[in-house]
Amino acid sequence: MPRIPLISPESDLSPVQRRVVDGILGKRGGRIPGPYRFGLHCPEMTEVWHPLGEMLRLKSSFPLRLSEFAIVITARAWDCGYVFNAHAPAAVKAGIAQEVVDAMVKGERPALTHDDEKVMYDYCTELFEHHAVSDRNHARARELFGIPGVVELTALIGYYSMVAMTILAHEMPLQEGARALLPKQH
């Protein structure tokens, strides 16, 4: 059960909340994604949060396969099953191997066969685990994605870290039928 009320279109909304909800519903096909259902308690924040997420996820310079993979890596780093389950199917549909997602569910390092996936995984997981990126992994990411790409990747995983923290702090229940993330293997 969530620690704070989930806001829905049917909630008793202030005029500012109503404006923000209507904007989200118009862009999200009539639904409010999980983190915004908490964020709408601070509607002005959500009003800027939502477009940033849309830009990072949907207008990314990365192909959808890699942007969704970065989101799944972030969700796994935070052990955030809600975000993981929300984005893993999109990552697979966009071209990430199901075996990669399955290994991540088990808390294992996935066997990656594409160089861009290896570089992204190493860059992101090193930053999450060590709060820094080695010169080697930073250079690999710059070489493959370019400087703007490395900046965007860092912003993408930072944004989804905020999403995961929101979901975790306020205890958003897992979606029905969601796979629970197993403890990480070290």
N, C-alpha and C. Protein backbone atom coordinates (compact mmCIF):
# COMPACT_ATOMS: atom_id res chain seq x y z
N MET A 1 0.85 -1.18 0.00
CA MET A 1 0.00 0.00 0.00
C MET A 1 0.89 1.24 0.00
N PRO A 2 0.62 2.19 -0.88
CA PRO A 2 1.45 3.39 -0.94
C PRO A 2 1.41 4.18 0.38
N ARG A 3 2.51 4.85 0.66
CA ARG A 3 2.61 5.66 1.88
C ARG A 3 1.87 6.98 1.78
N ILE A 4 1.69 7.47 0.56
CA ILE A 4 0.93 8.70 0.35
C ILE A 4 -0.11 8.41 -0.73
N PRO A 5 -1.19 9.19 -0.77
CA PRO A 5 -2.24 8.90 -1.74
C PRO A 5 -1.75 9.00 -3.19
N LEU A 6 -2.23 8.08 -3.99
CA LEU A 6 -1.99 8.13 -5.43
C LEU A 6 -3.02 9.07 -6.05
N ILE A 7 -2.54 10.00 -6.85
CA ILE A 7 -3.46 10.95 -7.48
C ILE A 7 -3.91 10.37 -8.81
N SER A 8 -5.19 10.48 -9.05
CA SER A 8 -5.78 10.01 -10.31
C SER A 8 -6.60 11.15 -10.90
N PRO A 9 -7.04 11.01 -12.14
CA PRO A 9 -7.87 12.06 -12.73
C PRO A 9 -9.16 12.31 -11.94
N GLU A 10 -9.58 11.29 -11.17
CA GLU A 10 -10.82 11.42 -10.40
C GLU A 10 -10.59 12.02 -9.02
N SER A 11 -9.34 12.27 -8.64
CA SER A 11 -9.04 12.83 -7.33
C SER A 11 -9.59 14.25 -7.23
N ASP A 12 -9.76 14.72 -6.00
CA ASP A 12 -10.16 16.09 -5.75
C ASP A 12 -8.92 16.97 -5.98
N LEU A 13 -8.85 17.60 -7.14
CA LEU A 13 -7.65 18.30 -7.57
C LEU A 13 -7.78 19.81 -7.44
N SER A 14 -6.67 20.44 -7.10
CA SER A 14 -6.60 21.91 -7.13
C SER A 14 -6.58 22.34 -8.60
N PRO A 15 -6.82 23.61 -8.87
CA PRO A 15 -6.76 24.06 -10.27
C PRO A 15 -5.40 23.79 -10.92
N VAL A 16 -4.31 23.94 -10.18
CA VAL A 16 -2.98 23.68 -10.74
C VAL A 16 -2.82 22.18 -11.01
N GLN A 17 -3.24 21.36 -10.07
CA GLN A 17 -3.16 19.92 -10.29
C GLN A 17 -3.99 19.52 -11.50
N ARG A 18 -5.18 20.08 -11.65
CA ARG A 18 -6.06 19.75 -12.78
C ARG A 18 -5.37 20.11 -14.09
N ARG A 19 -4.74 21.29 -14.16
CA ARG A 19 -4.05 21.71 -15.38
C ARG A 19 -2.93 20.73 -15.73
N VAL A 20 -2.15 20.33 -14.73
CA VAL A 20 -1.03 19.43 -14.97
C VAL A 20 -1.54 18.04 -15.34
N VAL A 21 -2.55 17.56 -14.64
CA VAL A 21 -3.13 16.25 -14.96
C VAL A 21 -3.66 16.25 -16.39
N ASP A 22 -4.39 17.28 -16.78
CA ASP A 22 -4.93 17.34 -18.13
C ASP A 22 -3.81 17.33 -19.18
N GLY A 23 -2.70 18.02 -18.88
CA GLY A 23 -1.56 18.02 -19.79
C GLY A 23 -0.94 16.64 -19.93
N ILE A 24 -0.81 15.93 -18.81
CA ILE A 24 -0.23 14.59 -18.84
C ILE A 24 -1.17 13.63 -19.58
N LEU A 25 -2.45 13.70 -19.27
CA LEU A 25 -3.41 12.80 -19.91
C LEU A 25 -3.42 12.99 -21.42
N GLY A 26 -3.28 14.23 -21.86
CA GLY A 26 -3.28 14.51 -23.29
C GLY A 26 -2.07 13.93 -24.00
N LYS A 27 -0.95 13.83 -23.29
CA LYS A 27 0.28 13.31 -23.90
C LYS A 27 0.49 11.83 -23.63
N ARG A 28 -0.21 11.27 -22.67
CA ARG A 28 0.02 9.88 -22.26
C ARG A 28 -1.17 8.97 -22.54
N GLY A 29 -1.99 9.35 -23.47
CA GLY A 29 -3.08 8.47 -23.88
C GLY A 29 -4.10 8.20 -22.80
N GLY A 30 -4.38 9.22 -21.97
CA GLY A 30 -5.42 9.08 -20.97
C GLY A 30 -4.99 8.40 -19.68
N ARG A 31 -3.69 8.24 -19.44
CA ARG A 31 -3.24 7.64 -18.18
C ARG A 31 -2.16 8.50 -17.53
N ILE A 32 -2.04 8.35 -16.24
CA ILE A 32 -0.99 9.03 -15.48
C ILE A 32 0.03 7.97 -15.05
N PRO A 33 1.26 8.05 -15.55
CA PRO A 33 2.28 7.07 -15.14
C PRO A 33 2.53 7.11 -13.64
N GLY A 34 2.96 5.98 -13.10
CA GLY A 34 3.14 5.79 -11.67
C GLY A 34 3.81 6.91 -10.91
N PRO A 35 5.01 7.35 -11.29
CA PRO A 35 5.69 8.35 -10.46
C PRO A 35 4.95 9.68 -10.41
N TYR A 36 4.26 10.02 -11.49
CA TYR A 36 3.53 11.29 -11.49
C TYR A 36 2.33 11.24 -10.56
N ARG A 37 1.84 10.04 -10.28
CA ARG A 37 0.71 9.90 -9.37
C ARG A 37 1.11 10.30 -7.95
N PHE A 38 2.41 10.23 -7.66
CA PHE A 38 2.93 10.78 -6.40
C PHE A 38 3.35 12.24 -6.60
N GLY A 39 4.05 12.50 -7.69
CA GLY A 39 4.59 13.83 -7.95
C GLY A 39 3.54 14.91 -8.01
N LEU A 40 2.33 14.56 -8.39
CA LEU A 40 1.27 15.56 -8.50
C LEU A 40 0.88 16.20 -7.17
N HIS A 41 1.41 15.68 -6.07
CA HIS A 41 1.23 16.38 -4.79
C HIS A 41 2.01 17.69 -4.83
N CYS A 42 2.98 17.79 -5.73
CA CYS A 42 3.74 19.02 -6.02
C CYS A 42 3.56 19.29 -7.52
N PRO A 43 2.41 19.84 -7.91
CA PRO A 43 2.10 19.91 -9.34
C PRO A 43 3.08 20.74 -10.17
N GLU A 44 3.61 21.83 -9.60
CA GLU A 44 4.55 22.64 -10.37
C GLU A 44 5.81 21.85 -10.70
N MET A 45 6.26 21.01 -9.76
CA MET A 45 7.42 20.16 -10.01
C MET A 45 7.09 19.17 -11.13
N THR A 46 5.93 18.54 -11.04
CA THR A 46 5.54 17.54 -12.04
C THR A 46 5.37 18.17 -13.41
N GLU A 47 4.98 19.42 -13.44
CA GLU A 47 4.81 20.11 -14.72
C GLU A 47 6.12 20.24 -15.49
N VAL A 48 7.25 20.34 -14.79
CA VAL A 48 8.54 20.37 -15.48
C VAL A 48 9.17 18.98 -15.55
N TRP A 49 8.83 18.12 -14.60
CA TRP A 49 9.35 16.76 -14.56
C TRP A 49 8.89 15.98 -15.78
N HIS A 50 7.61 16.06 -16.10
CA HIS A 50 7.03 15.29 -17.19
C HIS A 50 7.68 15.58 -18.54
N PRO A 51 7.82 16.85 -18.95
CA PRO A 51 8.45 17.09 -20.26
C PRO A 51 9.92 16.65 -20.31
N LEU A 52 10.63 16.76 -19.20
CA LEU A 52 12.02 16.30 -19.18
C LEU A 52 12.07 14.79 -19.44
N GLY A 53 11.20 14.05 -18.78
CA GLY A 53 11.15 12.61 -19.00
C GLY A 53 10.78 12.26 -20.43
N GLU A 54 9.82 12.97 -20.97
CA GLU A 54 9.41 12.73 -22.36
C GLU A 54 10.57 12.98 -23.32
N MET A 55 11.31 14.07 -23.09
CA MET A 55 12.44 14.39 -23.96
C MET A 55 13.52 13.32 -23.84
N LEU A 56 13.87 12.94 -22.61
CA LEU A 56 14.95 11.98 -22.41
C LEU A 56 14.58 10.59 -22.93
N ARG A 57 13.34 10.22 -22.82
CA ARG A 57 12.95 8.88 -23.24
C ARG A 57 12.53 8.82 -24.70
N LEU A 58 11.74 9.76 -25.15
CA LEU A 58 11.13 9.65 -26.47
C LEU A 58 11.81 10.48 -27.56
N LYS A 59 12.62 11.45 -27.16
CA LYS A 59 13.31 12.28 -28.16
C LYS A 59 14.81 12.12 -28.01
N SER A 60 15.21 10.98 -27.53
CA SER A 60 16.61 10.69 -27.26
C SER A 60 17.39 10.54 -28.56
N SER A 61 18.67 10.83 -28.48
CA SER A 61 19.55 10.57 -29.62
C SER A 61 19.88 9.08 -29.71
N PHE A 62 19.58 8.33 -28.64
CA PHE A 62 19.80 6.89 -28.63
C PHE A 62 18.61 6.19 -29.29
N PRO A 63 18.87 5.08 -29.97
CA PRO A 63 17.73 4.29 -30.44
C PRO A 63 16.95 3.78 -29.23
N LEU A 64 15.68 3.52 -29.43
CA LEU A 64 14.81 3.08 -28.33
C LEU A 64 15.39 1.86 -27.61
N ARG A 65 16.03 0.97 -28.32
CA ARG A 65 16.64 -0.21 -27.71
C ARG A 65 17.62 0.21 -26.60
N LEU A 66 18.44 1.22 -26.86
CA LEU A 66 19.43 1.63 -25.87
C LEU A 66 18.85 2.53 -24.79
N SER A 67 17.93 3.41 -25.14
CA SER A 67 17.36 4.25 -24.08
C SER A 67 16.55 3.40 -23.11
N GLU A 68 15.79 2.43 -23.61
CA GLU A 68 15.04 1.55 -22.71
C GLU A 68 16.00 0.67 -21.90
N PHE A 69 17.10 0.24 -22.51
CA PHE A 69 18.09 -0.55 -21.78
C PHE A 69 18.69 0.27 -20.64
N ALA A 70 19.00 1.53 -20.90
CA ALA A 70 19.53 2.39 -19.84
C ALA A 70 18.53 2.52 -18.70
N ILE A 71 17.25 2.62 -19.02
CA ILE A 71 16.21 2.72 -17.99
C ILE A 71 16.15 1.43 -17.17
N VAL A 72 16.23 0.29 -17.84
CA VAL A 72 16.19 -1.00 -17.15
C VAL A 72 17.43 -1.16 -16.26
N ILE A 73 18.59 -0.75 -16.75
CA ILE A 73 19.81 -0.80 -15.95
C ILE A 73 19.63 0.05 -14.68
N THR A 74 19.05 1.22 -14.85
CA THR A 74 18.81 2.12 -13.72
C THR A 74 17.84 1.50 -12.73
N ALA A 75 16.75 0.95 -13.23
CA ALA A 75 15.77 0.30 -12.35
C ALA A 75 16.41 -0.83 -11.56
N ARG A 76 17.24 -1.62 -12.23
CA ARG A 76 17.91 -2.73 -11.54
C ARG A 76 18.90 -2.20 -10.51
N ALA A 77 19.62 -1.13 -10.84
CA ALA A 77 20.59 -0.55 -9.90
C ALA A 77 19.90 -0.10 -8.61
N TRP A 78 18.67 0.41 -8.75
CA TRP A 78 17.90 0.87 -7.59
C TRP A 78 17.03 -0.23 -7.02
N ASP A 79 17.06 -1.43 -7.60
CA ASP A 79 16.16 -2.52 -7.19
C ASP A 79 14.71 -2.07 -7.21
N CYS A 80 14.36 -1.34 -8.24
CA CYS A 80 13.01 -0.79 -8.37
C CYS A 80 12.22 -1.64 -9.36
N GLY A 81 11.51 -2.62 -8.81
CA GLY A 81 10.75 -3.54 -9.62
C GLY A 81 9.67 -2.87 -10.45
N TYR A 82 9.07 -1.82 -9.93
CA TYR A 82 8.01 -1.14 -10.66
C TYR A 82 8.54 -0.58 -11.99
N VAL A 83 9.65 0.17 -11.92
CA VAL A 83 10.22 0.75 -13.14
C VAL A 83 10.77 -0.35 -14.04
N PHE A 84 11.41 -1.35 -13.45
CA PHE A 84 11.95 -2.46 -14.23
C PHE A 84 10.83 -3.12 -15.04
N ASN A 85 9.74 -3.45 -14.37
CA ASN A 85 8.62 -4.12 -15.05
C ASN A 85 7.91 -3.22 -16.04
N ALA A 86 7.94 -1.92 -15.81
CA ALA A 86 7.32 -0.99 -16.75
C ALA A 86 8.13 -0.86 -18.04
N HIS A 87 9.46 -1.03 -17.95
CA HIS A 87 10.31 -0.76 -19.12
C HIS A 87 10.96 -1.99 -19.74
N ALA A 88 11.07 -3.10 -19.02
CA ALA A 88 11.71 -4.29 -19.59
C ALA A 88 10.99 -4.79 -20.86
N PRO A 89 9.65 -4.85 -20.87
CA PRO A 89 8.99 -5.29 -22.12
C PRO A 89 9.30 -4.37 -23.31
N ALA A 90 9.37 -3.08 -23.07
CA ALA A 90 9.69 -2.14 -24.16
C ALA A 90 11.13 -2.34 -24.62
N ALA A 91 12.03 -2.63 -23.69
CA ALA A 91 13.43 -2.89 -24.06
C ALA A 91 13.52 -4.13 -24.93
N VAL A 92 12.81 -5.18 -24.55
CA VAL A 92 12.82 -6.42 -25.34
C VAL A 92 12.18 -6.18 -26.70
N LYS A 93 11.07 -5.50 -26.72
CA LYS A 93 10.40 -5.21 -27.99
C LYS A 93 11.30 -4.39 -28.92
N ALA A 94 12.13 -3.51 -28.32
CA ALA A 94 13.02 -2.67 -29.12
C ALA A 94 14.31 -3.39 -29.53
N GLY A 95 14.55 -4.61 -28.99
CA GLY A 95 15.70 -5.37 -29.45
C GLY A 95 16.66 -5.88 -28.40
N ILE A 96 16.43 -5.59 -27.13
CA ILE A 96 17.26 -6.16 -26.07
C ILE A 96 16.84 -7.62 -25.91
N ALA A 97 17.80 -8.52 -25.84
CA ALA A 97 17.48 -9.95 -25.75
C ALA A 97 16.75 -10.26 -24.44
N GLN A 98 15.75 -11.12 -24.52
CA GLN A 98 15.01 -11.54 -23.32
C GLN A 98 15.96 -12.14 -22.29
N GLU A 99 17.00 -12.83 -22.74
CA GLU A 99 17.97 -13.44 -21.84
C GLU A 99 18.70 -12.38 -21.01
N VAL A 100 18.90 -11.21 -21.59
CA VAL A 100 19.54 -10.10 -20.88
C VAL A 100 18.64 -9.65 -19.73
N VAL A 101 17.37 -9.46 -20.03
CA VAL A 101 16.41 -9.04 -19.01
C VAL A 101 16.29 -10.12 -17.93
N ASP A 102 16.22 -11.38 -18.34
CA ASP A 102 16.10 -12.47 -17.38
C ASP A 102 17.29 -12.51 -16.42
N ALA A 103 18.49 -12.33 -16.94
CA ALA A 103 19.68 -12.31 -16.09
C ALA A 103 19.61 -11.14 -15.11
N MET A 104 19.16 -9.99 -15.58
CA MET A 104 19.06 -8.82 -14.71
C MET A 104 18.03 -9.04 -13.60
N VAL A 105 16.92 -9.70 -13.92
CA VAL A 105 15.92 -10.03 -12.90
C VAL A 105 16.57 -10.87 -11.80
N LYS A 106 17.45 -11.79 -12.20
CA LYS A 106 18.12 -12.66 -11.23
C LYS A 106 19.28 -11.97 -10.52
N GLY A 107 19.54 -10.72 -10.87
CA GLY A 107 20.63 -10.00 -10.23
C GLY A 107 22.00 -10.37 -10.77
N GLU A 108 22.03 -10.94 -11.97
CA GLU A 108 23.27 -11.37 -12.59
C GLU A 108 23.70 -10.39 -13.67
N ARG A 109 25.01 -10.38 -13.94
CA ARG A 109 25.49 -9.60 -15.08
C ARG A 109 25.04 -10.32 -16.34
N PRO A 110 24.34 -9.63 -17.23
CA PRO A 110 23.88 -10.29 -18.45
C PRO A 110 25.02 -10.55 -19.42
N ALA A 111 24.87 -11.59 -20.22
CA ALA A 111 25.81 -11.87 -21.31
C ALA A 111 25.39 -11.00 -22.49
N LEU A 112 26.15 -9.95 -22.71
CA LEU A 112 25.83 -8.99 -23.76
C LEU A 112 26.65 -9.28 -25.00
N THR A 113 26.02 -9.22 -26.17
CA THR A 113 26.72 -9.52 -27.41
C THR A 113 26.94 -8.30 -28.29
N HIS A 114 26.25 -7.21 -28.03
CA HIS A 114 26.41 -5.98 -28.82
C HIS A 114 27.33 -5.01 -28.08
N ASP A 115 28.29 -4.45 -28.81
CA ASP A 115 29.25 -3.53 -28.18
C ASP A 115 28.57 -2.34 -27.52
N ASP A 116 27.55 -1.77 -28.18
CA ASP A 116 26.91 -0.60 -27.59
C ASP A 116 26.21 -0.96 -26.27
N GLU A 117 25.64 -2.15 -26.18
CA GLU A 117 25.01 -2.59 -24.93
C GLU A 117 26.07 -2.81 -23.84
N LYS A 118 27.20 -3.40 -24.21
CA LYS A 118 28.28 -3.63 -23.24
C LYS A 118 28.79 -2.30 -22.69
N VAL A 119 29.04 -1.36 -23.58
CA VAL A 119 29.57 -0.05 -23.16
C VAL A 119 28.56 0.66 -22.26
N MET A 120 27.30 0.65 -22.66
CA MET A 120 26.27 1.30 -21.86
C MET A 120 26.14 0.63 -20.49
N TYR A 121 26.11 -0.67 -20.47
CA TYR A 121 25.97 -1.39 -19.20
C TYR A 121 27.14 -1.10 -18.28
N ASP A 122 28.36 -1.15 -18.81
CA ASP A 122 29.54 -0.91 -17.98
C ASP A 122 29.57 0.52 -17.45
N TYR A 123 29.27 1.49 -18.31
CA TYR A 123 29.26 2.89 -17.90
C TYR A 123 28.24 3.11 -16.77
N CYS A 124 27.02 2.66 -17.01
CA CYS A 124 25.94 2.89 -16.04
C CYS A 124 26.18 2.15 -14.73
N THR A 125 26.48 0.87 -14.82
CA THR A 125 26.62 0.10 -13.58
C THR A 125 27.83 0.58 -12.77
N GLU A 126 28.89 0.96 -13.44
CA GLU A 126 30.04 1.48 -12.70
C GLU A 126 29.68 2.78 -11.98
N LEU A 127 28.95 3.64 -12.64
CA LEU A 127 28.54 4.90 -12.01
C LEU A 127 27.62 4.63 -10.82
N PHE A 128 26.70 3.70 -10.96
CA PHE A 128 25.81 3.36 -9.85
C PHE A 128 26.55 2.71 -8.69
N GLU A 129 27.44 1.79 -8.99
CA GLU A 129 28.11 1.03 -7.94
C GLU A 129 29.25 1.78 -7.27
N HIS A 130 29.97 2.60 -8.03
CA HIS A 130 31.16 3.25 -7.49
C HIS A 130 31.04 4.77 -7.39
N HIS A 131 29.93 5.31 -7.86
CA HIS A 131 29.69 6.75 -7.86
C HIS A 131 30.76 7.50 -8.64
N ALA A 132 31.31 6.81 -9.62
CA ALA A 132 32.32 7.36 -10.52
C ALA A 132 32.40 6.44 -11.74
N VAL A 133 32.99 6.95 -12.81
CA VAL A 133 33.22 6.15 -14.02
C VAL A 133 34.71 6.18 -14.29
N SER A 134 35.30 5.02 -14.50
CA SER A 134 36.73 4.93 -14.78
C SER A 134 37.05 5.65 -16.09
N ASP A 135 38.31 6.06 -16.23
CA ASP A 135 38.74 6.68 -17.48
C ASP A 135 38.47 5.75 -18.67
N ARG A 136 38.72 4.46 -18.46
CA ARG A 136 38.52 3.49 -19.55
C ARG A 136 37.06 3.44 -20.00
N ASN A 137 36.14 3.30 -19.06
CA ASN A 137 34.73 3.20 -19.44
C ASN A 137 34.18 4.52 -19.94
N HIS A 138 34.67 5.62 -19.42
CA HIS A 138 34.23 6.93 -19.93
C HIS A 138 34.71 7.11 -21.37
N ALA A 139 35.96 6.74 -21.63
CA ALA A 139 36.51 6.86 -22.99
C ALA A 139 35.75 5.95 -23.97
N ARG A 140 35.43 4.74 -23.55
CA ARG A 140 34.67 3.82 -24.40
C ARG A 140 33.30 4.42 -24.75
N ALA A 141 32.64 4.99 -23.75
CA ALA A 141 31.32 5.59 -23.98
C ALA A 141 31.43 6.82 -24.89
N ARG A 142 32.43 7.66 -24.66
CA ARG A 142 32.63 8.85 -25.51
C ARG A 142 32.91 8.43 -26.95
N GLU A 143 33.73 7.41 -27.12
CA GLU A 143 34.09 6.97 -28.47
C GLU A 143 32.86 6.45 -29.21
N LEU A 144 32.02 5.73 -28.51
CA LEU A 144 30.85 5.11 -29.16
C LEU A 144 29.67 6.07 -29.29
N PHE A 145 29.41 6.86 -28.24
CA PHE A 145 28.21 7.70 -28.20
C PHE A 145 28.49 9.18 -28.44
N GLY A 146 29.76 9.59 -28.39
CA GLY A 146 30.10 11.00 -28.51
C GLY A 146 29.89 11.73 -27.19
N ILE A 147 30.44 12.91 -27.10
CA ILE A 147 30.30 13.69 -25.86
C ILE A 147 28.84 14.01 -25.56
N PRO A 148 28.06 14.51 -26.55
CA PRO A 148 26.64 14.76 -26.24
C PRO A 148 25.92 13.49 -25.78
N GLY A 149 26.26 12.36 -26.36
CA GLY A 149 25.62 11.10 -25.98
C GLY A 149 25.93 10.70 -24.55
N VAL A 150 27.17 10.90 -24.12
CA VAL A 150 27.55 10.57 -22.75
C VAL A 150 26.83 11.50 -21.77
N VAL A 151 26.72 12.76 -22.13
CA VAL A 151 25.99 13.70 -21.27
C VAL A 151 24.52 13.30 -21.20
N GLU A 152 23.93 12.98 -22.34
CA GLU A 152 22.52 12.57 -22.37
C GLU A 152 22.30 11.27 -21.60
N LEU A 153 23.19 10.30 -21.75
CA LEU A 153 23.07 9.04 -21.03
C LEU A 153 23.09 9.27 -19.53
N THR A 154 23.99 10.10 -19.09
CA THR A 154 24.08 10.40 -17.66
C THR A 154 22.81 11.08 -17.17
N ALA A 155 22.26 11.99 -17.96
CA ALA A 155 21.00 12.66 -17.58
C ALA A 155 19.84 11.66 -17.58
N LEU A 156 19.82 10.75 -18.54
CA LEU A 156 18.75 9.75 -18.62
C LEU A 156 18.73 8.87 -17.38
N ILE A 157 19.90 8.36 -16.99
CA ILE A 157 19.92 7.48 -15.82
C ILE A 157 19.72 8.29 -14.53
N GLY A 158 20.10 9.56 -14.54
CA GLY A 158 19.81 10.42 -13.39
C GLY A 158 18.32 10.67 -13.25
N TYR A 159 17.66 10.93 -14.37
CA TYR A 159 16.21 11.14 -14.36
C TYR A 159 15.49 9.90 -13.85
N TYR A 160 15.87 8.73 -14.38
CA TYR A 160 15.19 7.51 -13.95
C TYR A 160 15.59 7.09 -12.54
N SER A 161 16.70 7.59 -12.05
CA SER A 161 17.02 7.41 -10.63
C SER A 161 16.02 8.18 -9.78
N MET A 162 15.69 9.40 -10.20
CA MET A 162 14.68 10.19 -9.50
C MET A 162 13.32 9.47 -9.54
N VAL A 163 12.98 8.92 -10.68
CA VAL A 163 11.73 8.17 -10.80
C VAL A 163 11.74 6.97 -9.85
N ALA A 164 12.83 6.21 -9.87
CA ALA A 164 12.92 5.03 -9.00
C ALA A 164 12.86 5.42 -7.53
N MET A 165 13.56 6.48 -7.15
CA MET A 165 13.52 6.91 -5.75
C MET A 165 12.12 7.32 -5.33
N THR A 166 11.40 7.99 -6.22
CA THR A 166 10.02 8.38 -5.92
C THR A 166 9.15 7.15 -5.70
N ILE A 167 9.26 6.18 -6.58
CA ILE A 167 8.49 4.94 -6.48
C ILE A 167 8.84 4.19 -5.19
N LEU A 168 10.14 4.09 -4.90
CA LEU A 168 10.59 3.34 -3.72
C LEU A 168 10.24 4.05 -2.41
N ALA A 169 10.45 5.34 -2.34
CA ALA A 169 10.22 6.08 -1.10
C ALA A 169 8.75 6.05 -0.68
N HIS A 170 7.88 6.09 -1.66
CA HIS A 170 6.44 6.16 -1.36
C HIS A 170 5.74 4.81 -1.53
N GLU A 171 6.53 3.77 -1.83
CA GLU A 171 6.06 2.39 -1.89
C GLU A 171 4.92 2.15 -2.87
N MET A 172 5.21 2.44 -4.14
CA MET A 172 4.25 2.11 -5.20
C MET A 172 4.19 0.59 -5.31
N PRO A 173 3.01 0.01 -5.23
CA PRO A 173 2.90 -1.46 -5.38
C PRO A 173 3.31 -1.88 -6.79
N LEU A 174 3.86 -3.08 -6.89
CA LEU A 174 4.20 -3.62 -8.21
C LEU A 174 2.93 -3.80 -9.03
N GLN A 175 3.09 -3.72 -10.33
CA GLN A 175 1.99 -3.97 -11.24
C GLN A 175 1.55 -5.43 -11.10
N GLU A 176 0.29 -5.67 -11.40
CA GLU A 176 -0.23 -7.04 -11.36
C GLU A 176 0.55 -7.89 -12.36
N GLY A 177 0.99 -9.05 -11.93
CA GLY A 177 1.74 -9.95 -12.79
C GLY A 177 3.21 -9.59 -12.95
N ALA A 178 3.70 -8.60 -12.21
CA ALA A 178 5.09 -8.16 -12.33
C ALA A 178 6.04 -9.21 -11.77
N ARG A 179 7.24 -9.25 -12.33
CA ARG A 179 8.30 -10.14 -11.85
C ARG A 179 9.06 -9.43 -10.73
N ALA A 180 9.23 -10.11 -9.62
CA ALA A 180 10.02 -9.56 -8.52
C ALA A 180 11.49 -9.66 -8.86
N LEU A 181 12.24 -8.63 -8.54
CA LEU A 181 13.68 -8.65 -8.76
C LEU A 181 14.34 -9.44 -7.63
N LEU A 182 15.21 -10.35 -7.99
CA LEU A 182 15.93 -11.16 -7.01
C LEU A 182 17.16 -10.39 -6.53
N PRO A 183 17.71 -10.77 -5.38
CA PRO A 183 18.92 -10.09 -4.89
C PRO A 183 20.05 -10.18 -5.92
N LYS A 184 20.86 -9.13 -5.98
CA LYS A 184 21.98 -9.09 -6.91
C LYS A 184 23.04 -10.10 -6.53
N GLN A 185 23.67 -10.68 -7.55
CA GLN A 185 24.77 -11.62 -7.36
C GLN A 185 26.08 -10.84 -7.43
N HIS A 186 26.89 -10.96 -6.43
CA HIS A 186 28.17 -10.21 -6.45
C HIS A 186 29.33 -11.14 -6.61
